C-alpha atoms as a PDB file:
ATOM      1  CA  MET A   1     116.120 105.442  99.485  1.00  0.00           C
ATOM      2  CA  SER A   2     118.825 108.051 100.417  1.00  0.00           C
ATOM      3  CA  SER A   3     121.327 106.282 100.512  1.00  0.00           C
ATOM      4  CA  VAL A   4     121.626 106.043  96.590  1.00  0.00           C
ATOM      5  CA  PRO A   5     123.713 107.877  95.206  1.00  0.00           C
ATOM      6  CA  GLY A   6     122.414 108.451  91.916  1.00  0.00           C
ATOM      7  CA  THR A   7     119.325 110.275  93.542  1.00  0.00           C
ATOM      8  CA  ARG A   8     120.955 113.279  95.122  1.00  0.00           C
ATOM      9  CA  GLY A   9     119.573 116.371  94.649  1.00  0.00           C
ATOM     10  CA  TYR A  10     115.813 114.850  94.532  1.00  0.00           C
ATOM     11  CA  ALA A  11     114.273 113.861  97.100  1.00  0.00           C
ATOM     12  CA  GLN A  12     114.954 117.821  97.783  1.00  0.00           C
ATOM     13  CA  LYS A  13     112.510 119.025  94.989  1.00  0.00           C
ATOM     14  CA  PRO A  14     110.542 116.279  94.420  1.00  0.00           C
ATOM     15  CA  GLU A  15     108.119 118.159  94.026  1.00  0.00           C
ATOM     16  CA  LYS A  16     110.349 120.557  90.302  1.00  0.00           C
ATOM     17  CA  PHE A  17     110.608 117.209  88.987  1.00  0.00           C
ATOM     18  CA  ALA A  18     107.284 115.423  89.423  1.00  0.00           C
ATOM     19  CA  LYS A  19     105.465 118.423  87.625  1.00  0.00           C
ATOM     20  CA  ASP A  20     109.415 118.571  85.393  1.00  0.00           C
ATOM     21  CA  TYR A  21     108.505 115.613  84.188  1.00  0.00           C
ATOM     22  CA  GLU A  22     104.721 115.032  83.647  1.00  0.00           C
ATOM     23  CA  SER A  23     105.188 118.436  81.256  1.00  0.00           C
ATOM     24  CA  VAL A  24     106.515 115.810  79.199  1.00  0.00           C
ATOM     25  CA  THR A  25     104.015 113.077  77.259  1.00  0.00           C
ATOM     26  CA  PHE A  26     105.594 108.866  77.016  1.00  0.00           C
ATOM     27  CA  GLU A  27     104.798 109.662  73.539  1.00  0.00           C
ATOM     28  CA  LYS A  28     107.210 112.332  73.293  1.00  0.00           C
ATOM     29  CA  VAL A  29     109.947 111.600  75.127  1.00  0.00           C
ATOM     30  CA  HIS A  30     109.999 108.230  73.249  1.00  0.00           C
ATOM     31  CA  LYS A  31     109.447 109.183  70.120  1.00  0.00           C
ATOM     32  CA  PRO A  32     112.364 108.092  68.543  1.00  0.00           C
ATOM     33  CA  VAL A  33     112.160 104.212  69.384  1.00  0.00           C
ATOM     34  CA  ARG A  34     109.204 103.486  70.649  1.00  0.00           C
ATOM     35  CA  HIS A  35     108.339 100.797  67.977  1.00  0.00           C
ATOM     36  CA  TYR A  36     110.375  98.756  69.226  1.00  0.00           C
ATOM     37  CA  TYR A  37     109.207  98.359  72.162  1.00  0.00           C
ATOM     38  CA  PRO A  38     107.056  95.081  72.204  1.00  0.00           C
ATOM     39  CA  ILE A  39     103.422  96.734  72.793  1.00  0.00           C
ATOM     40  CA  HIS A  40     102.401  96.389  70.293  1.00  0.00           C
ATOM     41  CA  ASN A  41     100.275  93.630  69.138  1.00  0.00           C
ATOM     42  CA  LYS A  42     100.090  92.647  72.799  1.00  0.00           C
ATOM     43  CA  LEU A  43      99.948  93.368  76.471  1.00  0.00           C
ATOM     44  CA  ALA A  44     103.448  92.848  78.214  1.00  0.00           C
ATOM     45  CA  SER A  45     104.726  92.544  81.348  1.00  0.00           C
ATOM     46  CA  ILE A  46     107.213  95.763  81.707  1.00  0.00           C
ATOM     47  CA  LEU A  47     109.611  97.648  83.539  1.00  0.00           C
ATOM     48  CA  ASP A  48     110.816 100.676  84.442  1.00  0.00           C
ATOM     49  CA  ILE A  49     113.210 101.758  86.458  1.00  0.00           C
ATOM     50  CA  GLY A  50     113.475 105.258  87.697  1.00  0.00           C
ATOM     51  CA  ALA A  51     109.987 105.708  87.809  1.00  0.00           C
ATOM     52  CA  GLY A  52     110.506 108.655  89.160  1.00  0.00           C
ATOM     53  CA  THR A  53     106.479 110.272  89.585  1.00  0.00           C
ATOM     54  CA  GLY A  54     105.345 107.171  87.045  1.00  0.00           C
ATOM     55  CA  ARG A  55     105.142 108.931  83.904  1.00  0.00           C
ATOM     56  CA  ASP A  56     105.489 106.796  81.526  1.00  0.00           C
ATOM     57  CA  ALA A  57     104.407 103.947  83.740  1.00  0.00           C
ATOM     58  CA  ALA A  58     100.682 105.539  83.747  1.00  0.00           C
ATOM     59  CA  ALA A  59     100.916 105.712  79.258  1.00  0.00           C
ATOM     60  CA  LEU A  60     101.599 101.508  79.556  1.00  0.00           C
ATOM     61  CA  ALA A  61      99.368 101.229  82.638  1.00  0.00           C
ATOM     62  CA  ARG A  62      96.684 103.008  80.538  1.00  0.00           C
ATOM     63  CA  ALA A  63      96.684 100.505  77.516  1.00  0.00           C
ATOM     64  CA  GLY A  64      96.432  97.230  79.640  1.00  0.00           C
ATOM     65  CA  HIS A  65      99.820  96.096  79.816  1.00  0.00           C
ATOM     66  CA  PHE A  66     102.034  95.145  83.398  1.00  0.00           C
ATOM     67  CA  VAL A  67     103.720  97.583  84.706  1.00  0.00           C
ATOM     68  CA  ASP A  68     106.732  96.859  87.688  1.00  0.00           C
ATOM     69  CA  ALA A  69     107.847 100.472  88.615  1.00  0.00           C
ATOM     70  CA  VAL A  70     111.256 100.876  90.541  1.00  0.00           C
ATOM     71  CA  GLU A  71     111.816 104.600  91.738  1.00  0.00           C
ATOM     72  CA  PRO A  72     114.205 104.388  95.058  1.00  0.00           C
ATOM     73  CA  THR A  73     113.573 108.069  96.113  1.00  0.00           C
ATOM     74  CA  ALA A  74     110.323 108.671  98.098  1.00  0.00           C
ATOM     75  CA  GLY A  75     108.982 111.186  97.341  1.00  0.00           C
ATOM     76  CA  MET A  76     108.697 111.150  93.744  1.00  0.00           C
ATOM     77  CA  ARG A  77     107.507 107.194  94.129  1.00  0.00           C
ATOM     78  CA  GLU A  78     104.602 108.919  96.830  1.00  0.00           C
ATOM     79  CA  HIS A  79     104.323 111.573  94.386  1.00  0.00           C
ATOM     80  CA  GLY A  80     103.725 108.664  91.398  1.00  0.00           C
ATOM     81  CA  GLN A  81     101.600 107.543  93.789  1.00  0.00           C
ATOM     82  CA  GLN A  82      99.042 109.746  94.110  1.00  0.00           C
ATOM     83  CA  LEU A  83      99.181 111.188  90.925  1.00  0.00           C
ATOM     84  CA  HIS A  84      98.678 107.746  88.500  1.00  0.00           C
ATOM     85  CA  ALA A  85      96.817 106.239  91.828  1.00  0.00           C
ATOM     86  CA  ASN A  86      93.931 104.962  88.698  1.00  0.00           C
ATOM     87  CA  GLU A  87      96.257 103.052  87.116  1.00  0.00           C
ATOM     88  CA  GLN A  88      97.468  99.416  87.500  1.00  0.00           C
ATOM     89  CA  ILE A  89     100.612  99.978  88.314  1.00  0.00           C
ATOM     90  CA  ASN A  90     103.044  97.795  90.915  1.00  0.00           C
ATOM     91  CA  TRP A  91     105.372 100.725  92.837  1.00  0.00           C
ATOM     92  CA  ILE A  92     108.177  98.971  94.254  1.00  0.00           C
ATOM     93  CA  ASP A  93     110.717 100.666  96.637  1.00  0.00           C
ATOM     94  CA  ASP A  94     114.349  98.856  94.988  1.00  0.00           C
ATOM     95  CA  ASN A  95     117.792 100.342  92.632  1.00  0.00           C
ATOM     96  CA  LEU A  96     120.146  99.777  90.500  1.00  0.00           C
ATOM     97  CA  PRO A  97     122.258  98.127  90.371  1.00  0.00           C
ATOM     98  CA  HIS A  98     121.698  95.499  91.824  1.00  0.00           C
ATOM     99  CA  LEU A  99     117.803  95.163  91.694  1.00  0.00           C
ATOM    100  CA  HIS A 100     117.281  93.018  94.959  1.00  0.00           C
ATOM    101  CA  LYS A 101     114.207  93.572  95.068  1.00  0.00           C
ATOM    102  CA  ILE A 102     113.679  92.643  91.896  1.00  0.00           C
ATOM    103  CA  VAL A 103     115.955  90.063  91.210  1.00  0.00           C
ATOM    104  CA  ALA A 104     114.672  88.332  93.671  1.00  0.00           C
ATOM    105  CA  SER A 105     110.395  88.666  92.689  1.00  0.00           C
ATOM    106  CA  HIS A 106     112.608  85.762  89.414  1.00  0.00           C
ATOM    107  CA  LYS A 107     110.648  87.517  87.139  1.00  0.00           C
ATOM    108  CA  LYS A 108     111.457  88.239  83.519  1.00  0.00           C
ATOM    109  CA  TYR A 109     110.235  91.331  81.412  1.00  0.00           C
ATOM    110  CA  ASP A 110     109.154  92.266  77.570  1.00  0.00           C
ATOM    111  CA  LEU A 111     110.619  95.419  77.952  1.00  0.00           C
ATOM    112  CA  LEU A 112     112.476  97.519  80.170  1.00  0.00           C
ATOM    113  CA  LEU A 113     113.029 101.227  80.854  1.00  0.00           C
ATOM    114  CA  LEU A 114     115.679 102.985  81.622  1.00  0.00           C
ATOM    115  CA  THR A 115     114.575 106.717  81.134  1.00  0.00           C
ATOM    116  CA  ALA A 116     117.434 109.145  82.175  1.00  0.00           C
ATOM    117  CA  VAL A 117     118.815 106.525  84.304  1.00  0.00           C
ATOM    118  CA  TRP A 118     121.600 105.138  83.152  1.00  0.00           C
ATOM    119  CA  MET A 119     123.794 108.280  83.683  1.00  0.00           C
ATOM    120  CA  HIS A 120     123.349 108.158  87.213  1.00  0.00           C
ATOM    121  CA  LEU A 121     125.664 105.107  87.556  1.00  0.00           C
ATOM    122  CA  THR A 122     129.068 104.252  88.035  1.00  0.00           C
ATOM    123  CA  PRO A 123     131.341 102.667  85.589  1.00  0.00           C
ATOM    124  CA  GLU A 124     131.483  99.342  88.350  1.00  0.00           C
ATOM    125  CA  GLU A 125     127.645 100.528  88.885  1.00  0.00           C
ATOM    126  CA  ARG A 126     127.192 100.282  84.843  1.00  0.00           C
ATOM    127  CA  GLU A 127     128.809  96.829  84.768  1.00  0.00           C
ATOM    128  CA  THR A 128     126.656  95.060  87.384  1.00  0.00           C
ATOM    129  CA  ALA A 129     123.599  97.271  86.012  1.00  0.00           C
ATOM    130  CA  MET A 130     123.743  95.912  82.248  1.00  0.00           C
ATOM    131  CA  ARG A 131     124.043  92.493  84.048  1.00  0.00           C
ATOM    132  CA  VAL A 132     120.987  92.492  86.276  1.00  0.00           C
ATOM    133  CA  CYS A 133     118.897  93.944  82.970  1.00  0.00           C
ATOM    134  CA  LYS A 134     120.488  91.531  80.766  1.00  0.00           C
ATOM    135  CA  ASN A 135     119.109  88.971  83.274  1.00  0.00           C
ATOM    136  CA  LEU A 136     114.975  90.289  83.887  1.00  0.00           C
ATOM    137  CA  LEU A 137     114.954  90.235  79.711  1.00  0.00           C
ATOM    138  CA  LEU A 138     112.927  87.590  78.141  1.00  0.00           C
ATOM    139  CA  PRO A 139     114.224  85.884  75.196  1.00  0.00           C
ATOM    140  CA  GLY A 140     113.349  88.434  72.815  1.00  0.00           C
ATOM    141  CA  GLY A 141     112.936  91.319  75.073  1.00  0.00           C
ATOM    142  CA  VAL A 142     114.460  95.021  74.598  1.00  0.00           C
ATOM    143  CA  MET A 143     115.885  96.997  77.073  1.00  0.00           C
ATOM    144  CA  SER A 144     115.973 100.728  76.426  1.00  0.00           C
ATOM    145  CA  LEU A 145     118.175 103.128  77.913  1.00  0.00           C
ATOM    146  CA  SER A 146     117.965 107.229  76.702  1.00  0.00           C
ATOM    147  CA  LEU A 147     120.993 109.046  77.836  1.00  0.00           C
ATOM    148  CA  ARG A 148     121.944 113.296  78.766  1.00  0.00           C
ATOM    149  CA  HIS A 149     124.744 114.210  77.075  1.00  0.00           C
ATOM    150  CA  GLY A 150     125.986 118.464  78.205  1.00  0.00           C
ATOM    151  CA  PRO A 151     127.324 119.884  81.348  1.00  0.00           C
ATOM    152  CA  VAL A 152     126.407 117.745  85.619  1.00  0.00           C
ATOM    153  CA  PRO A 153     124.527 119.527  87.657  1.00  0.00           C
ATOM    154  CA  ALA A 154     127.144 119.910  90.515  1.00  0.00           C
ATOM    155  CA  ASP A 155     124.037 118.632  93.126  1.00  0.00           C
ATOM    156  CA  ARG A 156     123.373 115.841  90.981  1.00  0.00           C
ATOM    157  CA  HIS A 157     125.609 112.263  91.038  1.00  0.00           C
ATOM    158  CA  MET A 158     125.038 112.337  87.264  1.00  0.00           C
ATOM    159  CA  PHE A 159     128.026 111.058  84.837  1.00  0.00           C
ATOM    160  CA  ASP A 160     128.296 112.229  81.015  1.00  0.00           C
ATOM    161  CA  ILE A 161     128.354 108.473  78.915  1.00  0.00           C
ATOM    162  CA  PRO A 162     130.386 107.597  76.069  1.00  0.00           C
ATOM    163  CA  ASP A 163     127.449 105.983  73.856  1.00  0.00           C
ATOM    164  CA  GLU A 164     129.992 104.361  72.592  1.00  0.00           C
ATOM    165  CA  GLU A 165     131.032 102.450  75.762  1.00  0.00           C
ATOM    166  CA  VAL A 166     127.142 101.616  76.540  1.00  0.00           C
ATOM    167  CA  ILE A 167     126.351  99.902  73.285  1.00  0.00           C
ATOM    168  CA  GLU A 168     129.668  97.658  73.910  1.00  0.00           C
ATOM    169  CA  LEU A 169     128.683  96.702  77.318  1.00  0.00           C
ATOM    170  CA  GLY A 170     125.618  95.007  76.068  1.00  0.00           C
ATOM    171  CA  LYS A 171     127.319  93.381  73.777  1.00  0.00           C
ATOM    172  CA  ALA A 172     130.054  91.870  75.573  1.00  0.00           C
ATOM    173  CA  HIS A 173     127.158  90.937  77.478  1.00  0.00           C
ATOM    174  CA  GLY A 174     125.883  89.242  75.032  1.00  0.00           C
ATOM    175  CA  LEU A 175     122.804  91.894  73.793  1.00  0.00           C
ATOM    176  CA  HIS A 176     122.406  93.180  70.266  1.00  0.00           C
ATOM    177  CA  LEU A 177     121.710  96.618  69.169  1.00  0.00           C
ATOM    178  CA  LEU A 178     118.205  97.265  68.121  1.00  0.00           C
ATOM    179  CA  HIS A 179     119.119 100.928  67.793  1.00  0.00           C
ATOM    180  CA  HIS A 180     121.105 103.654  68.512  1.00  0.00           C
ATOM    181  CA  SER A 181     120.024 107.093  67.344  1.00  0.00           C
ATOM    182  CA  VAL A 182     121.084 111.444  68.935  1.00  0.00           C
ATOM    183  CA  HIS A 183     119.112 113.823  69.177  1.00  0.00           C
ATOM    184  CA  LYS A 184     120.347 117.314  68.797  1.00  0.00           C
ATOM    185  CA  GLY A 185     117.609 118.609  71.846  1.00  0.00           C
ATOM    186  CA  ASP A 186     115.633 118.702  74.870  1.00  0.00           C
ATOM    187  CA  THR A 187     111.854 117.844  75.889  1.00  0.00           C
ATOM    188  CA  LEU A 188     112.401 120.798  78.529  1.00  0.00           C
ATOM    189  CA  GLY A 189     113.916 123.232  76.375  1.00  0.00           C
ATOM    190  CA  ARG A 190     117.707 123.236  77.498  1.00  0.00           C
ATOM    191  CA  ASN A 191     119.797 124.015  74.757  1.00  0.00           C
ATOM    192  CA  GLU A 192     123.365 122.891  76.426  1.00  0.00           C
ATOM    193  CA  ILE A 193     121.315 119.800  76.949  1.00  0.00           C
ATOM    194  CA  HIS A 194     121.649 116.932  74.337  1.00  0.00           C
ATOM    195  CA  TRP A 195     120.196 113.197  74.187  1.00  0.00           C
ATOM    196  CA  SER A 196     120.754 110.397  72.701  1.00  0.00           C
ATOM    197  CA  TYR A 197     118.173 106.502  72.535  1.00  0.00           C
ATOM    198  CA  VAL A 198     119.987 102.614  72.860  1.00  0.00           C
ATOM    199  CA  VAL A 199     118.139 100.110  72.359  1.00  0.00           C
ATOM    200  CA  PHE A 200     118.674  96.614  72.933  1.00  0.00           C
ATOM    201  CA  SER A 201     117.178  93.353  72.408  1.00  0.00           C
ATOM    202  CA  ALA A 202     117.555  89.766  73.651  1.00  0.00           C
ATOM    203  CA  ALA A 203     118.505  86.411  72.282  1.00  0.00           C
ATOM    204  CA  PRO A 204     114.786  84.919  71.149  1.00  0.00           C
ATOM    205  CA  SER A 205     114.510  81.681  72.438  1.00  0.00           C
ATOM    206  CA  ALA A 206     115.749  78.866  70.474  1.00  0.00           C
END
């Protein structure tokens, strides 16, 4: 779906991005926050939004979880399907902010992953995406975002979004903040880049 602005720069170099993404493990990327994920004592329904080549989706599928992987860039999606052909991943061509196909399926999830995704959305899209994502969570479900900070590449549709904006937007949509942390470093060794994590939970059922 090349018309999605946030995918600009990825479709042209899927091999490079695939190599970068797959060079780091799910465990390393999510180490600061994975203990919040509802995956430790049950089989969870998971939506990996902007799944890239499926590194995280594959790790979770191998553990027996039910994983839908949304990726709008055809080259990335195809790489993921080839790399992780042995894993039970349901690949979907869909995109934020509306996630039309996911919403139309009426599915709800225990865990939403937005790993290095939120930075591709405009302010208006972020408002819509937060509402859509909140409505996809099961009662007590968890939504995890990693946020990129640092210089924006000229060939990418990307924004350096303040953590506080994300936190306040989530709260405004009725989500509870479970975790916020800032990490001075980048898993790919880029000194100018650092990341933060924001984790929300939906209200439990009454």
